[in-house]
Amino acid sequence: MQKRNKLKSLFFGLLFSFLVPLGAYLFLKFSGHDGRMPLPKFYGIEKIDSQLVDGKMKLDTVYRLVKDLKLVNQLGDSIALNETLKGKILVMSFFKTANDEQSKVITNCVRLLNKAFLKNDSTMRFVSVSIDSKNDSVLALRSYADNQKANHDKWLFCSGNDSSIQNYLQNELELQKNDYSKIVLIDKYRNIRGYYNGLDSNNVRLCAEDISYLMVEKNLYHEKNRRR
């Protein structure tokens, strides 16, 4: 029975890894995205502008952009999420290298996402941020990354200043304190586009779909004035 469950889990993992993002990508690419597709929503309203157009009041929502965060990755390189990874879609998750069950589950889900976009990942980076920087040295991060068989250029395991990270998670990503089970999807303009329960594989599947949509999204509003 246990062997059967493992095979079933493997089957659905492979199905998730290859078919979901491929299907979403091909659907958008060949159906011709005309702006009416159900693209991932925006989170974090900064302000709502209003102007009179043809005698009618038009509202224009401006969404908040996530500020930069400086970290150190598993190779010992200093990176800034906005500057170093400029123009990249970010898939952010949070973990500890210590023997932590929640971290294991989340990291496993991110690994499946990573496999799903293995051959089409030039537009994105997976960023796993340690919430235990006191113990997660560069050496510990490197060992953890190697255990995941991570491509060090595409999947970054990072640590940094505790207060800066906590401020970023709570004030920029708007995560509840001590609840870091979420995977956060950030588009290349640095808008938050999705929150997903990293402990729920079905919810993470939705993240894979949304990544595919963002990969082919053409956001003319952002190119002009960062508005949507």
C-alpha atoms as a PDB file:
ATOM      1  CA  MET A   1       0.000   0.000   0.000  1.00  0.00           C
ATOM      2  CA  GLN A   2       2.814   2.390   0.932  1.00  0.00           C
ATOM      3  CA  LYS A   3       4.608   1.645  -2.322  1.00  0.00           C
ATOM      4  CA  ARG A   4       1.398   2.266  -4.277  1.00  0.00           C
ATOM      5  CA  ASN A   5       0.944   5.638  -2.564  1.00  0.00           C
ATOM      6  CA  LYS A   6       4.506   6.626  -3.397  1.00  0.00           C
ATOM      7  CA  LEU A   7       3.985   5.720  -7.060  1.00  0.00           C
ATOM      8  CA  LYS A   8       0.724   7.671  -7.099  1.00  0.00           C
ATOM      9  CA  SER A   9       2.459  10.681  -5.563  1.00  0.00           C
ATOM     10  CA  LEU A  10       5.260  10.437  -8.125  1.00  0.00           C
ATOM     11  CA  PHE A  11       2.777  10.235 -10.992  1.00  0.00           C
ATOM     12  CA  PHE A  12       0.866  13.328  -9.920  1.00  0.00           C
ATOM     13  CA  GLY A  13       4.130  15.135  -9.253  1.00  0.00           C
ATOM     14  CA  LEU A  14       5.309  14.511 -12.804  1.00  0.00           C
ATOM     15  CA  LEU A  15       1.912  15.462 -14.185  1.00  0.00           C
ATOM     16  CA  PHE A  16       2.031  18.690 -12.204  1.00  0.00           C
ATOM     17  CA  SER A  17       5.607  19.408 -13.282  1.00  0.00           C
ATOM     18  CA  PHE A  18       5.111  19.134 -17.008  1.00  0.00           C
ATOM     19  CA  LEU A  19       1.496  19.387 -18.104  1.00  0.00           C
ATOM     20  CA  VAL A  20       0.106  22.278 -16.054  1.00  0.00           C
ATOM     21  CA  PRO A  21       2.566  25.023 -17.060  1.00  0.00           C
ATOM     22  CA  LEU A  22       2.857  23.701 -20.616  1.00  0.00           C
ATOM     23  CA  GLY A  23      -0.900  23.703 -21.092  1.00  0.00           C
ATOM     24  CA  ALA A  24      -1.322  27.220 -19.709  1.00  0.00           C
ATOM     25  CA  TYR A  25       1.578  28.546 -21.773  1.00  0.00           C
ATOM     26  CA  LEU A  26       0.357  27.046 -25.052  1.00  0.00           C
ATOM     27  CA  PHE A  27      -3.220  28.128 -24.391  1.00  0.00           C
ATOM     28  CA  LEU A  28      -2.220  31.762 -24.026  1.00  0.00           C
ATOM     29  CA  LYS A  29       0.371  31.716 -26.792  1.00  0.00           C
ATOM     30  CA  PHE A  30      -1.873  30.296 -29.501  1.00  0.00           C
ATOM     31  CA  SER A  31      -5.250  31.662 -28.406  1.00  0.00           C
ATOM     32  CA  GLY A  32      -3.916  35.191 -28.682  1.00  0.00           C
ATOM     33  CA  HIS A  33      -4.080  37.074 -25.405  1.00  0.00           C
ATOM     34  CA  ASP A  34      -6.289  40.124 -25.986  1.00  0.00           C
ATOM     35  CA  GLY A  35      -6.328  41.555 -22.473  1.00  0.00           C
ATOM     36  CA  ARG A  36      -9.477  39.686 -21.475  1.00  0.00           C
ATOM     37  CA  MET A  37      -7.793  36.531 -20.240  1.00  0.00           C
ATOM     38  CA  PRO A  38      -8.070  35.839 -16.500  1.00  0.00           C
ATOM     39  CA  LEU A  39      -4.523  36.898 -15.667  1.00  0.00           C
ATOM     40  CA  PRO A  40      -3.299  36.816 -12.064  1.00  0.00           C
ATOM     41  CA  LYS A  41      -4.767  39.673 -10.024  1.00  0.00           C
ATOM     42  CA  PHE A  42      -2.772  42.519  -8.518  1.00  0.00           C
ATOM     43  CA  TYR A  43      -2.319  42.930  -4.776  1.00  0.00           C
ATOM     44  CA  GLY A  44      -1.528  45.996  -2.678  1.00  0.00           C
ATOM     45  CA  ILE A  45      -3.345  49.153  -3.752  1.00  0.00           C
ATOM     46  CA  GLU A  46      -1.152  52.239  -3.403  1.00  0.00           C
ATOM     47  CA  LYS A  47      -3.760  54.793  -4.447  1.00  0.00           C
ATOM     48  CA  ILE A  48      -6.752  55.371  -6.682  1.00  0.00           C
ATOM     49  CA  ASP A  49      -6.597  58.322  -9.049  1.00  0.00           C
ATOM     50  CA  SER A  50      -9.663  59.879 -10.598  1.00  0.00           C
ATOM     51  CA  GLN A  51     -10.086  62.014 -13.681  1.00  0.00           C
ATOM     52  CA  LEU A  52     -12.962  63.337 -15.775  1.00  0.00           C
ATOM     53  CA  VAL A  53     -13.132  61.698 -19.212  1.00  0.00           C
ATOM     54  CA  ASP A  54     -15.945  62.669 -21.620  1.00  0.00           C
ATOM     55  CA  GLY A  55     -18.013  63.931 -18.749  1.00  0.00           C
ATOM     56  CA  LYS A  56     -17.579  60.736 -16.739  1.00  0.00           C
ATOM     57  CA  MET A  57     -15.388  60.139 -13.723  1.00  0.00           C
ATOM     58  CA  LYS A  58     -12.789  57.457 -14.460  1.00  0.00           C
ATOM     59  CA  LEU A  59     -10.952  55.667 -11.672  1.00  0.00           C
ATOM     60  CA  ASP A  60      -7.403  54.435 -12.200  1.00  0.00           C
ATOM     61  CA  THR A  61      -5.939  52.067  -9.613  1.00  0.00           C
ATOM     62  CA  VAL A  62      -2.209  52.297  -8.922  1.00  0.00           C
ATOM     63  CA  TYR A  63      -0.753  49.176  -7.323  1.00  0.00           C
ATOM     64  CA  ARG A  64       2.171  49.279  -4.936  1.00  0.00           C
ATOM     65  CA  LEU A  65       5.571  48.072  -6.100  1.00  0.00           C
ATOM     66  CA  VAL A  66       7.631  45.913  -3.765  1.00  0.00           C
ATOM     67  CA  LYS A  67      10.829  47.606  -2.584  1.00  0.00           C
ATOM     68  CA  ASP A  68      14.280  46.101  -2.902  1.00  0.00           C
ATOM     69  CA  LEU A  69      15.933  43.716  -0.451  1.00  0.00           C
ATOM     70  CA  LYS A  70      19.648  42.923  -0.193  1.00  0.00           C
ATOM     71  CA  LEU A  71      20.612  39.323   0.543  1.00  0.00           C
ATOM     72  CA  VAL A  72      23.473  36.835   0.237  1.00  0.00           C
ATOM     73  CA  ASN A  73      22.916  33.617  -1.730  1.00  0.00           C
ATOM     74  CA  GLN A  74      24.279  30.089  -1.363  1.00  0.00           C
ATOM     75  CA  LEU A  75      27.368  30.965  -3.414  1.00  0.00           C
ATOM     76  CA  GLY A  76      28.259  33.845  -1.126  1.00  0.00           C
ATOM     77  CA  ASP A  77      27.225  36.431  -3.718  1.00  0.00           C
ATOM     78  CA  SER A  78      25.467  39.632  -2.661  1.00  0.00           C
ATOM     79  CA  ILE A  79      22.226  40.193  -4.541  1.00  0.00           C
ATOM     80  CA  ALA A  80      19.444  42.783  -4.545  1.00  0.00           C
ATOM     81  CA  LEU A  81      16.084  41.326  -5.516  1.00  0.00           C
ATOM     82  CA  ASN A  82      15.055  44.287  -7.675  1.00  0.00           C
ATOM     83  CA  GLU A  83      18.419  45.425  -9.005  1.00  0.00           C
ATOM     84  CA  THR A  84      20.275  42.138  -9.519  1.00  0.00           C
ATOM     85  CA  LEU A  85      17.166  40.276 -10.704  1.00  0.00           C
ATOM     86  CA  LYS A  86      15.710  43.165 -12.677  1.00  0.00           C
ATOM     87  CA  GLY A  87      13.115  42.087 -15.234  1.00  0.00           C
ATOM     88  CA  LYS A  88      12.719  38.611 -13.732  1.00  0.00           C
ATOM     89  CA  ILE A  89       9.528  37.075 -12.362  1.00  0.00           C
ATOM     90  CA  LEU A  90      10.182  36.060  -8.748  1.00  0.00           C
ATOM     91  CA  VAL A  91       8.758  32.985  -7.026  1.00  0.00           C
ATOM     92  CA  MET A  92       9.498  33.582  -3.354  1.00  0.00           C
ATOM     93  CA  SER A  93       9.326  31.078  -0.496  1.00  0.00           C
ATOM     94  CA  PHE A  94      10.627  30.933   3.065  1.00  0.00           C
ATOM     95  CA  PHE A  95      12.452  28.183   4.936  1.00  0.00           C
ATOM     96  CA  LYS A  96      14.975  27.027   7.520  1.00  0.00           C
ATOM     97  CA  THR A  97      17.851  24.680   6.739  1.00  0.00           C
ATOM     98  CA  ALA A  98      17.309  23.033  10.126  1.00  0.00           C
ATOM     99  CA  ASN A  99      15.250  19.848  10.346  1.00  0.00           C
ATOM    100  CA  ASP A 100      11.926  21.658   9.950  1.00  0.00           C
ATOM    101  CA  GLU A 101       8.906  19.778   8.595  1.00  0.00           C
ATOM    102  CA  GLN A 102       7.159  22.847   7.188  1.00  0.00           C
ATOM    103  CA  SER A 103      10.296  23.881   5.324  1.00  0.00           C
ATOM    104  CA  LYS A 104      10.630  20.388   3.854  1.00  0.00           C
ATOM    105  CA  VAL A 105       7.087  20.444   2.448  1.00  0.00           C
ATOM    106  CA  ILE A 106       7.399  23.956   1.015  1.00  0.00           C
ATOM    107  CA  THR A 107      10.820  23.289  -0.488  1.00  0.00           C
ATOM    108  CA  ASN A 108       9.513  20.112  -2.105  1.00  0.00           C
ATOM    109  CA  CYS A 109       6.674  22.080  -3.736  1.00  0.00           C
ATOM    110  CA  VAL A 110       9.122  24.707  -4.977  1.00  0.00           C
ATOM    111  CA  ARG A 111      11.309  21.935  -6.369  1.00  0.00           C
ATOM    112  CA  LEU A 112       8.328  20.695  -8.408  1.00  0.00           C
ATOM    113  CA  LEU A 113       7.738  24.221  -9.679  1.00  0.00           C
ATOM    114  CA  ASN A 114      11.407  24.434 -10.539  1.00  0.00           C
ATOM    115  CA  LYS A 115      11.233  21.220 -12.551  1.00  0.00           C
ATOM    116  CA  ALA A 116       8.105  22.417 -14.310  1.00  0.00           C
ATOM    117  CA  PHE A 117       9.938  25.387 -15.810  1.00  0.00           C
ATOM    118  CA  LEU A 118      13.360  23.799 -16.150  1.00  0.00           C
ATOM    119  CA  LYS A 119      13.542  24.377 -19.905  1.00  0.00           C
ATOM    120  CA  ASN A 120      11.747  27.697 -19.945  1.00  0.00           C
ATOM    121  CA  ASP A 121      13.000  29.601 -16.938  1.00  0.00           C
ATOM    122  CA  SER A 122      15.037  32.461 -18.388  1.00  0.00           C
ATOM    123  CA  THR A 123      12.341  34.951 -17.389  1.00  0.00           C
ATOM    124  CA  MET A 124      12.084  33.884 -13.742  1.00  0.00           C
ATOM    125  CA  ARG A 125      14.047  33.142 -10.599  1.00  0.00           C
ATOM    126  CA  PHE A 126      13.097  31.034  -7.597  1.00  0.00           C
ATOM    127  CA  VAL A 127      14.128  32.791  -4.383  1.00  0.00           C
ATOM    128  CA  SER A 128      13.974  30.892  -1.094  1.00  0.00           C
ATOM    129  CA  VAL A 129      14.699  33.203   1.841  1.00  0.00           C
ATOM    130  CA  SER A 130      15.868  31.886   5.211  1.00  0.00           C
ATOM    131  CA  ILE A 131      13.889  33.008   8.255  1.00  0.00           C
ATOM    132  CA  ASP A 132      16.685  31.700  10.487  1.00  0.00           C
ATOM    133  CA  SER A 133      19.653  33.729   9.275  1.00  0.00           C
ATOM    134  CA  LYS A 134      21.430  33.326  12.616  1.00  0.00           C
ATOM    135  CA  ASN A 135      21.996  29.656  11.875  1.00  0.00           C
ATOM    136  CA  ASP A 136      21.777  29.624   8.084  1.00  0.00           C
ATOM    137  CA  SER A 137      25.294  30.512   6.993  1.00  0.00           C
ATOM    138  CA  VAL A 138      26.436  30.518   3.372  1.00  0.00           C
ATOM    139  CA  LEU A 139      27.851  27.035   3.915  1.00  0.00           C
ATOM    140  CA  ALA A 140      24.508  25.794   5.296  1.00  0.00           C
ATOM    141  CA  LEU A 141      22.631  27.379   2.396  1.00  0.00           C
ATOM    142  CA  ARG A 142      24.991  25.775  -0.136  1.00  0.00           C
ATOM    143  CA  SER A 143      24.606  22.350   1.446  1.00  0.00           C
ATOM    144  CA  TYR A 144      20.815  22.716   1.496  1.00  0.00           C
ATOM    145  CA  ALA A 145      20.737  23.857  -2.141  1.00  0.00           C
ATOM    146  CA  ASP A 146      22.944  20.959  -3.205  1.00  0.00           C
ATOM    147  CA  ASN A 147      20.612  18.509  -1.455  1.00  0.00           C
ATOM    148  CA  GLN A 148      17.773  19.912  -3.597  1.00  0.00           C
ATOM    149  CA  LYS A 149      19.971  19.513  -6.718  1.00  0.00           C
ATOM    150  CA  ALA A 150      19.278  23.174  -7.394  1.00  0.00           C
ATOM    151  CA  ASN A 151      20.652  25.086 -10.363  1.00  0.00           C
ATOM    152  CA  HIS A 152      22.521  27.779  -8.442  1.00  0.00           C
ATOM    153  CA  ASP A 153      21.860  30.395 -11.128  1.00  0.00           C
ATOM    154  CA  LYS A 154      18.089  29.877 -11.194  1.00  0.00           C
ATOM    155  CA  TRP A 155      17.134  28.819  -7.658  1.00  0.00           C
ATOM    156  CA  LEU A 156      18.595  31.109  -5.031  1.00  0.00           C
ATOM    157  CA  PHE A 157      18.737  30.180  -1.348  1.00  0.00           C
ATOM    158  CA  CYS A 158      19.342  33.418   0.521  1.00  0.00           C
ATOM    159  CA  SER A 159      19.945  34.841   3.948  1.00  0.00           C
ATOM    160  CA  GLY A 160      20.587  38.322   5.297  1.00  0.00           C
ATOM    161  CA  ASN A 161      19.911  40.810   8.036  1.00  0.00           C
ATOM    162  CA  ASP A 162      17.108  39.524  10.279  1.00  0.00           C
ATOM    163  CA  SER A 163      15.380  42.863  10.800  1.00  0.00           C
ATOM    164  CA  SER A 164      15.540  43.730   7.097  1.00  0.00           C
ATOM    165  CA  ILE A 165      14.061  40.365   6.137  1.00  0.00           C
ATOM    166  CA  GLN A 166      11.281  40.588   8.718  1.00  0.00           C
ATOM    167  CA  ASN A 167      10.461  44.127   7.599  1.00  0.00           C
ATOM    168  CA  TYR A 168      10.342  42.983   3.982  1.00  0.00           C
ATOM    169  CA  LEU A 169       8.105  40.001   4.685  1.00  0.00           C
ATOM    170  CA  GLN A 170       5.645  41.906   6.828  1.00  0.00           C
ATOM    171  CA  ASN A 171       5.599  45.380   5.250  1.00  0.00           C
ATOM    172  CA  GLU A 172       6.445  44.694   1.617  1.00  0.00           C
ATOM    173  CA  LEU A 173       4.933  41.234   1.065  1.00  0.00           C
ATOM    174  CA  GLU A 174       2.263  41.850   3.732  1.00  0.00           C
ATOM    175  CA  LEU A 175       2.627  38.418   5.317  1.00  0.00           C
ATOM    176  CA  GLN A 176       1.336  37.775   8.802  1.00  0.00           C
ATOM    177  CA  LYS A 177       4.036  37.605  11.457  1.00  0.00           C
ATOM    178  CA  ASN A 178       5.311  34.057  12.023  1.00  0.00           C
ATOM    179  CA  ASP A 179       3.162  32.727   9.169  1.00  0.00           C
ATOM    180  CA  TYR A 180       5.602  32.152   6.359  1.00  0.00           C
ATOM    181  CA  SER A 181       4.021  29.132   4.702  1.00  0.00           C
ATOM    182  CA  LYS A 182       3.059  31.213   1.655  1.00  0.00           C
ATOM    183  CA  ILE A 183       4.703  31.182  -1.743  1.00  0.00           C
ATOM    184  CA  VAL A 184       4.564  34.698  -3.198  1.00  0.00           C
ATOM    185  CA  LEU A 185       4.541  35.430  -6.924  1.00  0.00           C
ATOM    186  CA  ILE A 186       5.986  38.800  -7.991  1.00  0.00           C
ATOM    187  CA  ASP A 187       5.948  39.986 -11.600  1.00  0.00           C
ATOM    188  CA  LYS A 188       8.872  41.592 -13.411  1.00  0.00           C
ATOM    189  CA  TYR A 189       7.583  45.065 -12.570  1.00  0.00           C
ATOM    190  CA  ARG A 190       7.582  44.142  -8.843  1.00  0.00           C
ATOM    191  CA  ASN A 191       3.847  43.929  -8.326  1.00  0.00           C
ATOM    192  CA  ILE A 192       2.610  41.100  -6.089  1.00  0.00           C
ATOM    193  CA  ARG A 193       0.501  38.824  -8.286  1.00  0.00           C
ATOM    194  CA  GLY A 194      -0.311  35.865  -6.080  1.00  0.00           C
ATOM    195  CA  TYR A 195      -0.186  34.158  -2.692  1.00  0.00           C
ATOM    196  CA  TYR A 196      -0.230  30.359  -2.500  1.00  0.00           C
ATOM    197  CA  ASN A 197      -0.263  27.929   0.403  1.00  0.00           C
ATOM    198  CA  GLY A 198       3.103  26.213   0.152  1.00  0.00           C
ATOM    199  CA  LEU A 199       1.791  23.306   2.230  1.00  0.00           C
ATOM    200  CA  ASP A 200      -0.965  22.499  -0.269  1.00  0.00           C
ATOM    201  CA  SER A 201       0.179  20.941  -3.556  1.00  0.00           C
ATOM    202  CA  ASN A 202      -3.147  21.730  -5.232  1.00  0.00           C
ATOM    203  CA  ASN A 203      -2.763  25.404  -4.362  1.00  0.00           C
ATOM    204  CA  VAL A 204       0.826  25.378  -5.610  1.00  0.00           C
ATOM    205  CA  ARG A 205      -0.498  24.011  -8.916  1.00  0.00           C
ATOM    206  CA  LEU A 206      -2.351  27.312  -9.325  1.00  0.00           C
ATOM    207  CA  CYS A 207       0.965  29.069  -8.867  1.00  0.00           C
ATOM    208  CA  ALA A 208       2.367  27.121 -11.821  1.00  0.00           C
ATOM    209  CA  GLU A 209      -0.548  28.251 -13.967  1.00  0.00           C
ATOM    210  CA  ASP A 210      -0.132  31.873 -12.925  1.00  0.00           C
ATOM    211  CA  ILE A 211       3.599  31.794 -13.671  1.00  0.00           C
ATOM    212  CA  SER A 212       2.780  30.612 -17.189  1.00  0.00           C
ATOM    213  CA  TYR A 213       0.340  33.484 -17.654  1.00  0.00           C
ATOM    214  CA  LEU A 214       2.859  36.059 -16.478  1.00  0.00           C
ATOM    215  CA  MET A 215       5.498  34.679 -18.848  1.00  0.00           C
ATOM    216  CA  VAL A 216       3.408  35.707 -21.869  1.00  0.00           C
ATOM    217  CA  GLU A 217       1.643  38.725 -20.372  1.00  0.00           C
ATOM    218  CA  LYS A 218       2.083  41.980 -22.266  1.00  0.00           C
ATOM    219  CA  ASN A 219       1.321  44.772 -19.860  1.00  0.00           C
ATOM    220  CA  LEU A 220       1.260  48.013 -21.833  1.00  0.00           C
ATOM    221  CA  TYR A 221      -0.073  49.855 -18.806  1.00  0.00           C
ATOM    222  CA  HIS A 222       3.054  49.054 -16.853  1.00  0.00           C
ATOM    223  CA  GLU A 223       5.348  49.993 -19.694  1.00  0.00           C
ATOM    224  CA  LYS A 224       3.819  53.478 -19.745  1.00  0.00           C
ATOM    225  CA  ASN A 225       3.090  54.365 -16.145  1.00  0.00           C
ATOM    226  CA  ARG A 226       3.058  51.231 -13.958  1.00  0.00           C
ATOM    227  CA  ARG A 227      -0.711  51.309 -13.766  1.00  0.00           C
ATOM    228  CA  ARG A 228      -3.283  48.621 -14.309  1.00  0.00           C
END
